[in-house]
C-alpha atoms as a PDB file:
ATOM      1  CA  MET A   1     144.582 151.173 131.569  1.00  0.00           C
ATOM      2  CA  THR A   2     146.574 153.765 132.846  1.00  0.00           C
ATOM      3  CA  ASP A   3     144.967 155.521 136.347  1.00  0.00           C
ATOM      4  CA  GLY A   4     145.030 159.120 136.227  1.00  0.00           C
ATOM      5  CA  VAL A   5     143.280 162.025 137.190  1.00  0.00           C
ATOM      6  CA  ALA A   6     139.909 162.407 134.205  1.00  0.00           C
ATOM      7  CA  LYS A   7     140.244 165.939 132.679  1.00  0.00           C
ATOM      8  CA  MET A   8     136.536 167.026 133.749  1.00  0.00           C
ATOM      9  CA  ALA A   9     135.057 170.143 131.852  1.00  0.00           C
ATOM     10  CA  ALA A  10     133.052 172.633 133.579  1.00  0.00           C
ATOM     11  CA  PRO A  11     129.342 171.515 133.828  1.00  0.00           C
ATOM     12  CA  ARG A  12     127.227 172.569 130.722  1.00  0.00           C
ATOM     13  CA  PRO A  13     124.579 175.005 131.432  1.00  0.00           C
ATOM     14  CA  ARG A  14     121.760 172.278 130.249  1.00  0.00           C
ATOM     15  CA  THR A  15     122.559 169.977 133.552  1.00  0.00           C
ATOM     16  CA  ALA A  16     120.271 170.067 136.235  1.00  0.00           C
ATOM     17  CA  TYR A  17     122.677 168.271 138.471  1.00  0.00           C
ATOM     18  CA  ARG A  18     126.068 168.675 139.562  1.00  0.00           C
ATOM     19  CA  ARG A  19     126.278 165.582 141.097  1.00  0.00           C
ATOM     20  CA  ILE A  20     123.362 162.404 141.227  1.00  0.00           C
ATOM     21  CA  LEU A  21     123.125 158.990 142.403  1.00  0.00           C
ATOM     22  CA  ILE A  22     122.047 156.025 139.827  1.00  0.00           C
ATOM     23  CA  LYS A  23     120.364 153.253 141.695  1.00  0.00           C
ATOM     24  CA  ILE A  24     120.039 150.358 139.037  1.00  0.00           C
ATOM     25  CA  SER A  25     118.117 147.094 139.447  1.00  0.00           C
ATOM     26  CA  GLY A  26     120.016 143.988 139.050  1.00  0.00           C
ATOM     27  CA  GLU A  27     117.251 142.858 136.597  1.00  0.00           C
ATOM     28  CA  ALA A  28     117.907 145.695 134.529  1.00  0.00           C
ATOM     29  CA  LEU A  29     121.437 144.426 133.733  1.00  0.00           C
ATOM     30  CA  MET A  30     119.151 141.119 132.694  1.00  0.00           C
ATOM     31  CA  GLY A  31     118.145 142.035 129.409  1.00  0.00           C
ATOM     32  CA  PRO A  32     116.363 139.143 127.590  1.00  0.00           C
ATOM     33  CA  LEU A  33     117.829 136.800 129.989  1.00  0.00           C
ATOM     34  CA  GLN A  34     116.300 135.281 132.869  1.00  0.00           C
ATOM     35  CA  PHE A  35     119.078 135.373 135.213  1.00  0.00           C
ATOM     36  CA  GLY A  36     123.059 136.611 135.041  1.00  0.00           C
ATOM     37  CA  LEU A  37     124.169 139.765 133.119  1.00  0.00           C
ATOM     38  CA  HIS A  38     123.676 140.505 129.389  1.00  0.00           C
ATOM     39  CA  PRO A  39     126.673 142.343 128.696  1.00  0.00           C
ATOM     40  CA  PRO A  40     125.278 143.899 125.964  1.00  0.00           C
ATOM     41  CA  THR A  41     122.839 145.770 128.099  1.00  0.00           C
ATOM     42  CA  VAL A  42     125.249 146.396 130.893  1.00  0.00           C
ATOM     43  CA  GLY A  43     127.328 148.297 127.675  1.00  0.00           C
ATOM     44  CA  ARG A  44     124.620 150.239 126.878  1.00  0.00           C
ATOM     45  CA  VAL A  45     123.813 151.503 130.569  1.00  0.00           C
ATOM     46  CA  ALA A  46     127.582 152.266 130.112  1.00  0.00           C
ATOM     47  CA  ASP A  47     127.111 154.174 127.112  1.00  0.00           C
ATOM     48  CA  GLU A  48     124.718 156.566 128.678  1.00  0.00           C
ATOM     49  CA  VAL A  49     126.399 156.956 132.302  1.00  0.00           C
ATOM     50  CA  LYS A  50     129.538 158.061 129.813  1.00  0.00           C
ATOM     51  CA  ALA A  51     127.407 160.201 128.206  1.00  0.00           C
ATOM     52  CA  ILE A  52     126.409 162.369 131.062  1.00  0.00           C
ATOM     53  CA  HIS A  53     130.002 161.597 132.761  1.00  0.00           C
ATOM     54  CA  GLU A  54     131.453 163.657 129.848  1.00  0.00           C
ATOM     55  CA  LEU A  55     128.829 166.722 130.912  1.00  0.00           C
ATOM     56  CA  GLY A  56     130.615 166.996 133.857  1.00  0.00           C
ATOM     57  CA  VAL A  57     128.545 165.683 136.210  1.00  0.00           C
ATOM     58  CA  GLU A  58     129.918 163.581 139.334  1.00  0.00           C
ATOM     59  CA  ILE A  59     127.862 160.499 138.517  1.00  0.00           C
ATOM     60  CA  CYS A  60     127.898 157.616 141.987  1.00  0.00           C
ATOM     61  CA  LEU A  61     126.453 154.011 141.108  1.00  0.00           C
ATOM     62  CA  VAL A  62     124.551 151.583 143.383  1.00  0.00           C
ATOM     63  CA  ILE A  63     123.732 148.557 141.768  1.00  0.00           C
ATOM     64  CA  GLY A  64     121.523 145.941 143.064  1.00  0.00           C
ATOM     65  CA  GLY A  65     121.955 142.043 142.976  1.00  0.00           C
ATOM     66  CA  GLY A  66     118.474 140.319 142.255  1.00  0.00           C
ATOM     67  CA  ASN A  67     119.740 139.195 138.619  1.00  0.00           C
ATOM     68  CA  ILE A  68     122.197 136.892 140.677  1.00  0.00           C
ATOM     69  CA  PHE A  69     120.959 136.261 144.253  1.00  0.00           C
ATOM     70  CA  ARG A  70     118.175 138.268 146.077  1.00  0.00           C
ATOM     71  CA  GLY A  71     118.775 137.729 150.020  1.00  0.00           C
ATOM     72  CA  LEU A  72     114.542 138.193 150.614  1.00  0.00           C
ATOM     73  CA  GLN A  73     113.692 135.152 148.267  1.00  0.00           C
ATOM     74  CA  GLY A  74     116.779 132.738 150.038  1.00  0.00           C
ATOM     75  CA  SER A  75     114.886 133.101 153.156  1.00  0.00           C
ATOM     76  CA  ALA A  76     112.113 132.588 152.101  1.00  0.00           C
ATOM     77  CA  GLN A  77     113.446 129.351 151.003  1.00  0.00           C
ATOM     78  CA  GLY A  78     114.334 128.294 154.477  1.00  0.00           C
ATOM     79  CA  MET A  79     117.629 130.567 154.532  1.00  0.00           C
ATOM     80  CA  GLU A  80     118.928 132.070 157.610  1.00  0.00           C
ATOM     81  CA  ARG A  81     117.927 135.950 156.831  1.00  0.00           C
ATOM     82  CA  THR A  82     121.439 137.245 157.494  1.00  0.00           C
ATOM     83  CA  THR A  83     123.258 134.736 155.409  1.00  0.00           C
ATOM     84  CA  ALA A  84     121.277 135.058 152.426  1.00  0.00           C
ATOM     85  CA  ASP A  85     121.669 138.984 152.971  1.00  0.00           C
ATOM     86  CA  TYR A  86     125.051 139.005 153.041  1.00  0.00           C
ATOM     87  CA  MET A  87     125.038 136.784 149.850  1.00  0.00           C
ATOM     88  CA  GLY A  88     122.784 139.238 148.268  1.00  0.00           C
ATOM     89  CA  MET A  89     125.657 141.725 148.935  1.00  0.00           C
ATOM     90  CA  LEU A  90     128.516 140.013 147.346  1.00  0.00           C
ATOM     91  CA  ALA A  91     125.728 139.974 144.355  1.00  0.00           C
ATOM     92  CA  THR A  92     126.079 143.261 144.286  1.00  0.00           C
ATOM     93  CA  VAL A  93     129.682 143.373 144.006  1.00  0.00           C
ATOM     94  CA  MET A  94     129.783 141.153 140.927  1.00  0.00           C
ATOM     95  CA  ASN A  95     127.573 143.416 139.261  1.00  0.00           C
ATOM     96  CA  ALA A  96     129.414 146.495 140.351  1.00  0.00           C
ATOM     97  CA  LEU A  97     132.808 144.661 138.733  1.00  0.00           C
ATOM     98  CA  ALA A  98     130.888 143.876 135.557  1.00  0.00           C
ATOM     99  CA  MET A  99     129.949 148.011 135.600  1.00  0.00           C
ATOM    100  CA  GLN A 100     133.331 149.036 136.023  1.00  0.00           C
ATOM    101  CA  SER A 101     134.493 146.702 133.685  1.00  0.00           C
ATOM    102  CA  ALA A 102     132.124 147.882 130.983  1.00  0.00           C
ATOM    103  CA  LEU A 103     132.959 151.914 132.020  1.00  0.00           C
ATOM    104  CA  GLU A 104     136.601 152.045 131.882  1.00  0.00           C
ATOM    105  CA  ALA A 105     136.623 149.957 128.415  1.00  0.00           C
ATOM    106  CA  LYS A 106     135.341 153.005 127.404  1.00  0.00           C
ATOM    107  CA  GLY A 107     137.747 155.049 128.820  1.00  0.00           C
ATOM    108  CA  VAL A 108     135.894 156.550 131.884  1.00  0.00           C
ATOM    109  CA  PHE A 109     137.986 156.158 135.109  1.00  0.00           C
ATOM    110  CA  THR A 110     135.735 153.728 137.725  1.00  0.00           C
ATOM    111  CA  ARG A 111     136.213 153.156 141.135  1.00  0.00           C
ATOM    112  CA  VAL A 112     134.259 150.095 142.735  1.00  0.00           C
ATOM    113  CA  VAL A 113     133.619 150.710 146.756  1.00  0.00           C
ATOM    114  CA  SER A 114     132.654 148.179 149.234  1.00  0.00           C
ATOM    115  CA  ALA A 115     130.614 149.054 152.226  1.00  0.00           C
ATOM    116  CA  ILE A 116     132.453 144.672 153.165  1.00  0.00           C
ATOM    117  CA  PRO A 117     136.067 144.925 152.719  1.00  0.00           C
ATOM    118  CA  MET A 118     137.983 142.714 149.766  1.00  0.00           C
ATOM    119  CA  ASP A 119     140.786 144.588 149.181  1.00  0.00           C
ATOM    120  CA  GLN A 120     141.701 142.075 146.202  1.00  0.00           C
ATOM    121  CA  VAL A 121     138.822 143.138 144.209  1.00  0.00           C
ATOM    122  CA  CYS A 122     137.655 146.940 145.042  1.00  0.00           C
ATOM    123  CA  GLU A 123     138.392 149.759 148.224  1.00  0.00           C
ATOM    124  CA  PRO A 124     136.902 149.786 151.553  1.00  0.00           C
ATOM    125  CA  TYR A 125     133.940 152.601 151.411  1.00  0.00           C
ATOM    126  CA  ILE A 126     135.485 155.410 152.939  1.00  0.00           C
ATOM    127  CA  ARG A 127     133.179 158.539 152.710  1.00  0.00           C
ATOM    128  CA  ARG A 128     135.668 161.300 152.179  1.00  0.00           C
ATOM    129  CA  ARG A 129     137.883 159.242 149.959  1.00  0.00           C
ATOM    130  CA  ALA A 130     135.024 158.577 147.623  1.00  0.00           C
ATOM    131  CA  VAL A 131     133.889 161.990 147.495  1.00  0.00           C
ATOM    132  CA  ARG A 132     137.387 162.819 146.091  1.00  0.00           C
ATOM    133  CA  HIS A 133     137.052 159.667 143.745  1.00  0.00           C
ATOM    134  CA  LEU A 134     134.059 162.158 142.318  1.00  0.00           C
ATOM    135  CA  GLU A 135     136.056 165.401 142.504  1.00  0.00           C
ATOM    136  CA  LYS A 136     138.851 163.831 140.511  1.00  0.00           C
ATOM    137  CA  GLY A 137     136.207 163.053 138.035  1.00  0.00           C
ATOM    138  CA  ARG A 138     135.665 159.259 138.318  1.00  0.00           C
ATOM    139  CA  VAL A 139     132.570 157.388 138.430  1.00  0.00           C
ATOM    140  CA  VAL A 140     132.105 155.610 142.247  1.00  0.00           C
ATOM    141  CA  ILE A 141     130.069 152.386 142.385  1.00  0.00           C
ATOM    142  CA  PHE A 142     128.873 151.592 145.611  1.00  0.00           C
ATOM    143  CA  ALA A 143     128.954 147.590 146.353  1.00  0.00           C
ATOM    144  CA  ALA A 144     127.641 145.345 148.895  1.00  0.00           C
ATOM    145  CA  GLY A 145     124.687 147.518 150.316  1.00  0.00           C
ATOM    146  CA  THR A 146     125.342 149.053 153.645  1.00  0.00           C
ATOM    147  CA  GLY A 147     127.677 146.072 154.743  1.00  0.00           C
ATOM    148  CA  ASN A 148     124.435 145.390 157.093  1.00  0.00           C
ATOM    149  CA  PRO A 149     121.593 142.333 156.402  1.00  0.00           C
ATOM    150  CA  PHE A 150     118.053 143.680 156.947  1.00  0.00           C
ATOM    151  CA  PHE A 151     119.451 146.980 154.540  1.00  0.00           C
ATOM    152  CA  THR A 152     118.532 146.956 151.240  1.00  0.00           C
ATOM    153  CA  THR A 153     120.278 148.044 148.250  1.00  0.00           C
ATOM    154  CA  ASP A 154     118.024 150.814 148.032  1.00  0.00           C
ATOM    155  CA  THR A 155     118.028 151.951 151.636  1.00  0.00           C
ATOM    156  CA  ALA A 156     121.939 151.966 150.679  1.00  0.00           C
ATOM    157  CA  ALA A 157     121.378 154.296 147.475  1.00  0.00           C
ATOM    158  CA  ALA A 158     119.585 156.510 149.641  1.00  0.00           C
ATOM    159  CA  LEU A 159     122.301 156.228 152.355  1.00  0.00           C
ATOM    160  CA  ARG A 160     125.223 156.945 150.514  1.00  0.00           C
ATOM    161  CA  ALA A 161     123.538 159.615 148.356  1.00  0.00           C
ATOM    162  CA  LEU A 162     123.771 161.628 151.293  1.00  0.00           C
ATOM    163  CA  GLU A 163     126.508 160.961 153.081  1.00  0.00           C
ATOM    164  CA  ILE A 164     128.119 162.477 149.480  1.00  0.00           C
ATOM    165  CA  HIS A 165     125.892 165.075 148.966  1.00  0.00           C
ATOM    166  CA  ALA A 166     124.590 164.319 145.481  1.00  0.00           C
ATOM    167  CA  GLU A 167     121.504 166.321 144.877  1.00  0.00           C
ATOM    168  CA  ALA A 168     119.053 163.648 143.619  1.00  0.00           C
ATOM    169  CA  ILE A 169     118.500 159.746 143.357  1.00  0.00           C
ATOM    170  CA  LEU A 170     117.874 158.608 139.597  1.00  0.00           C
ATOM    171  CA  MET A 171     116.104 155.201 140.665  1.00  0.00           C
ATOM    172  CA  ALA A 172     116.147 152.842 137.406  1.00  0.00           C
ATOM    173  CA  LYS A 173     113.523 150.493 136.933  1.00  0.00           C
ATOM    174  CA  ASN A 174     112.987 147.574 134.752  1.00  0.00           C
ATOM    175  CA  GLY A 175     110.225 147.608 132.422  1.00  0.00           C
ATOM    176  CA  VAL A 176     108.228 150.423 134.028  1.00  0.00           C
ATOM    177  CA  GLU A 177     107.590 154.013 133.038  1.00  0.00           C
ATOM    178  CA  GLY A 178     107.716 154.937 136.963  1.00  0.00           C
ATOM    179  CA  VAL A 179     105.559 155.002 139.830  1.00  0.00           C
ATOM    180  CA  TYR A 180     102.101 153.482 139.427  1.00  0.00           C
ATOM    181  CA  ASP A 181      98.934 153.018 141.747  1.00  0.00           C
ATOM    182  CA  SER A 182      99.579 149.225 142.020  1.00  0.00           C
ATOM    183  CA  ASP A 183     101.188 146.893 140.151  1.00  0.00           C
ATOM    184  CA  PRO A 184     101.161 147.120 136.150  1.00  0.00           C
ATOM    185  CA  ALA A 185     102.660 143.340 136.084  1.00  0.00           C
ATOM    186  CA  THR A 186      99.317 142.417 137.495  1.00  0.00           C
ATOM    187  CA  ASN A 187      96.599 145.231 137.144  1.00  0.00           C
ATOM    188  CA  PRO A 188      95.996 146.506 133.400  1.00  0.00           C
ATOM    189  CA  ASP A 189      94.259 148.923 134.158  1.00  0.00           C
ATOM    190  CA  ALA A 190      97.503 150.014 136.632  1.00  0.00           C
ATOM    191  CA  ALA A 191      97.104 154.257 136.617  1.00  0.00           C
ATOM    192  CA  PHE A 192     100.546 155.981 136.313  1.00  0.00           C
ATOM    193  CA  ILE A 193     101.781 158.641 138.924  1.00  0.00           C
ATOM    194  CA  PRO A 194     104.092 161.314 137.521  1.00  0.00           C
ATOM    195  CA  ALA A 195     104.506 163.322 140.253  1.00  0.00           C
ATOM    196  CA  LEU A 196     104.003 162.500 144.189  1.00  0.00           C
ATOM    197  CA  THR A 197     105.671 162.993 147.956  1.00  0.00           C
ATOM    198  CA  HIS A 198     108.028 160.814 149.866  1.00  0.00           C
ATOM    199  CA  ARG A 199     105.074 160.708 152.568  1.00  0.00           C
ATOM    200  CA  GLU A 200     102.383 160.387 150.080  1.00  0.00           C
ATOM    201  CA  ALA A 201     104.643 157.032 148.508  1.00  0.00           C
ATOM    202  CA  ILE A 202     105.275 156.019 152.385  1.00  0.00           C
ATOM    203  CA  GLU A 203     101.176 155.950 153.134  1.00  0.00           C
ATOM    204  CA  ARG A 204      99.920 154.364 150.202  1.00  0.00           C
ATOM    205  CA  GLY A 205     102.852 151.669 150.143  1.00  0.00           C
ATOM    206  CA  LEU A 206     103.814 152.760 146.397  1.00  0.00           C
ATOM    207  CA  ARG A 207     106.683 150.730 145.415  1.00  0.00           C
ATOM    208  CA  VAL A 208     109.477 153.972 145.159  1.00  0.00           C
ATOM    209  CA  MET A 209     111.323 152.513 147.597  1.00  0.00           C
ATOM    210  CA  ASP A 210     111.611 150.995 150.605  1.00  0.00           C
ATOM    211  CA  SER A 211     110.056 152.643 153.430  1.00  0.00           C
ATOM    212  CA  THR A 212     113.712 153.160 155.178  1.00  0.00           C
ATOM    213  CA  ALA A 213     114.951 154.492 151.910  1.00  0.00           C
ATOM    214  CA  LEU A 214     112.672 156.647 151.534  1.00  0.00           C
ATOM    215  CA  SER A 215     111.927 157.964 154.980  1.00  0.00           C
ATOM    216  CA  LEU A 216     115.589 159.046 154.804  1.00  0.00           C
ATOM    217  CA  CYS A 217     115.111 160.928 151.558  1.00  0.00           C
ATOM    218  CA  MET A 218     111.875 162.347 152.834  1.00  0.00           C
ATOM    219  CA  ASP A 219     113.706 163.846 156.217  1.00  0.00           C
ATOM    220  CA  ASN A 220     116.355 165.291 153.788  1.00  0.00           C
ATOM    221  CA  ASP A 221     114.603 166.545 151.168  1.00  0.00           C
ATOM    222  CA  LEU A 222     116.206 164.465 148.558  1.00  0.00           C
ATOM    223  CA  PRO A 223     114.284 164.382 145.004  1.00  0.00           C
ATOM    224  CA  ILE A 224     113.855 160.929 143.305  1.00  0.00           C
ATOM    225  CA  TYR A 225     113.203 160.104 139.822  1.00  0.00           C
ATOM    226  CA  VAL A 226     111.641 156.395 138.784  1.00  0.00           C
ATOM    227  CA  PHE A 227     112.296 156.107 135.249  1.00  0.00           C
ATOM    228  CA  ASN A 228     112.604 153.038 132.985  1.00  0.00           C
ATOM    229  CA  MET A 229     116.031 152.274 132.204  1.00  0.00           C
ATOM    230  CA  ALA A 230     114.974 150.575 129.108  1.00  0.00           C
ATOM    231  CA  ASP A 231     114.490 153.880 127.444  1.00  0.00           C
ATOM    232  CA  GLU A 232     117.628 154.733 126.115  1.00  0.00           C
ATOM    233  CA  GLY A 233     117.874 158.486 126.865  1.00  0.00           C
ATOM    234  CA  ASN A 234     116.157 158.781 130.015  1.00  0.00           C
ATOM    235  CA  ILE A 235     119.040 159.285 132.195  1.00  0.00           C
ATOM    236  CA  ASP A 236     119.948 162.090 130.011  1.00  0.00           C
ATOM    237  CA  ARG A 237     117.031 164.498 129.413  1.00  0.00           C
ATOM    238  CA  ILE A 238     116.917 164.334 133.551  1.00  0.00           C
ATOM    239  CA  ILE A 239     120.028 165.770 133.657  1.00  0.00           C
ATOM    240  CA  ALA A 240     118.587 168.111 131.275  1.00  0.00           C
ATOM    241  CA  GLY A 241     115.944 169.149 133.476  1.00  0.00           C
ATOM    242  CA  GLU A 242     113.113 167.418 131.442  1.00  0.00           C
ATOM    243  CA  ARG A 243     110.595 165.870 133.544  1.00  0.00           C
ATOM    244  CA  VAL A 244     111.208 161.747 132.979  1.00  0.00           C
ATOM    245  CA  GLY A 245     109.231 159.267 134.664  1.00  0.00           C
ATOM    246  CA  THR A 246     107.852 160.229 138.112  1.00  0.00           C
ATOM    247  CA  LEU A 247     109.329 162.806 140.282  1.00  0.00           C
ATOM    248  CA  VAL A 248     109.196 162.202 144.150  1.00  0.00           C
ATOM    249  CA  THR A 249     110.003 165.352 146.494  1.00  0.00           C
ATOM    250  CA  LYS A 250     108.876 166.513 149.779  1.00  0.00           C
END
C-alpha cells in the first residue's frame, strides 16, 4: 500500500463531532474466542471505523490488551507489578498492529504510535506529529498506554484525548449496553443508567473508567459515551448525534 495523504471530505452536517477517541477493550476483539484475536471481529470493528472516517471525522484509537495479557492479573498471581504492567503494554501494541493491518487492508491510512519506543514496528508518540497525522486524514492508534506502570489504558485514553483535543471519548464495551448500577454479569437485576456525571460515577464506584481517567475527564469537561461494541452501527449513531448507551458528562 503506497503511503500518502488521504483526501478528506468536509465533515457532513450530520456528524456531531469532528475529532474523537475510541477506546476499545481488548476483550472486544476476541469475538467468540476465549483468548487472543478473532480476525472477523477485528475486521468488523475496522469496517465501523472506516465508515465514520469516510464522513470526515478525525479518529484515534486506544485498544486494551486484556485479550492477551492483563497486568493486574499477572500481579495478582505473584508477578512484580511493574513487570506485569509493561507486559500488558506490549499486549496493547500487538492489538494496535492487528487493527492497523485490518484498517489498511480496507484502504484506511493508519499510524500506530507507541509510548514505548520500538522504532522497527511503529512510531514513537509525539503529540504534534500525532495531531498532524489526524489533520492529514490518517487514523491514529495510541499503543503502550502512557508508557508508565500503574496507569491503565483508560487513563491513557483520557490523557491522549485531552492532548490531541478530542471532543469526546467513545468507550466501547464488550457485551454490555453501557453503565449499570451494579455488575450485570453477577446481578441480573442491575439497572441500566442512561446518563450521569463524572462525579457521580466516581462517588458511586461505577465501572465507566478507572478513577484517574474519570477525574481527568471531569476536570476538563470531556464527555464519555459508554456503549456496546457488539451492536453494529453504534459508533455511527453516536457520531450522528444519537443517544447510545450511557452518556457521562460534567
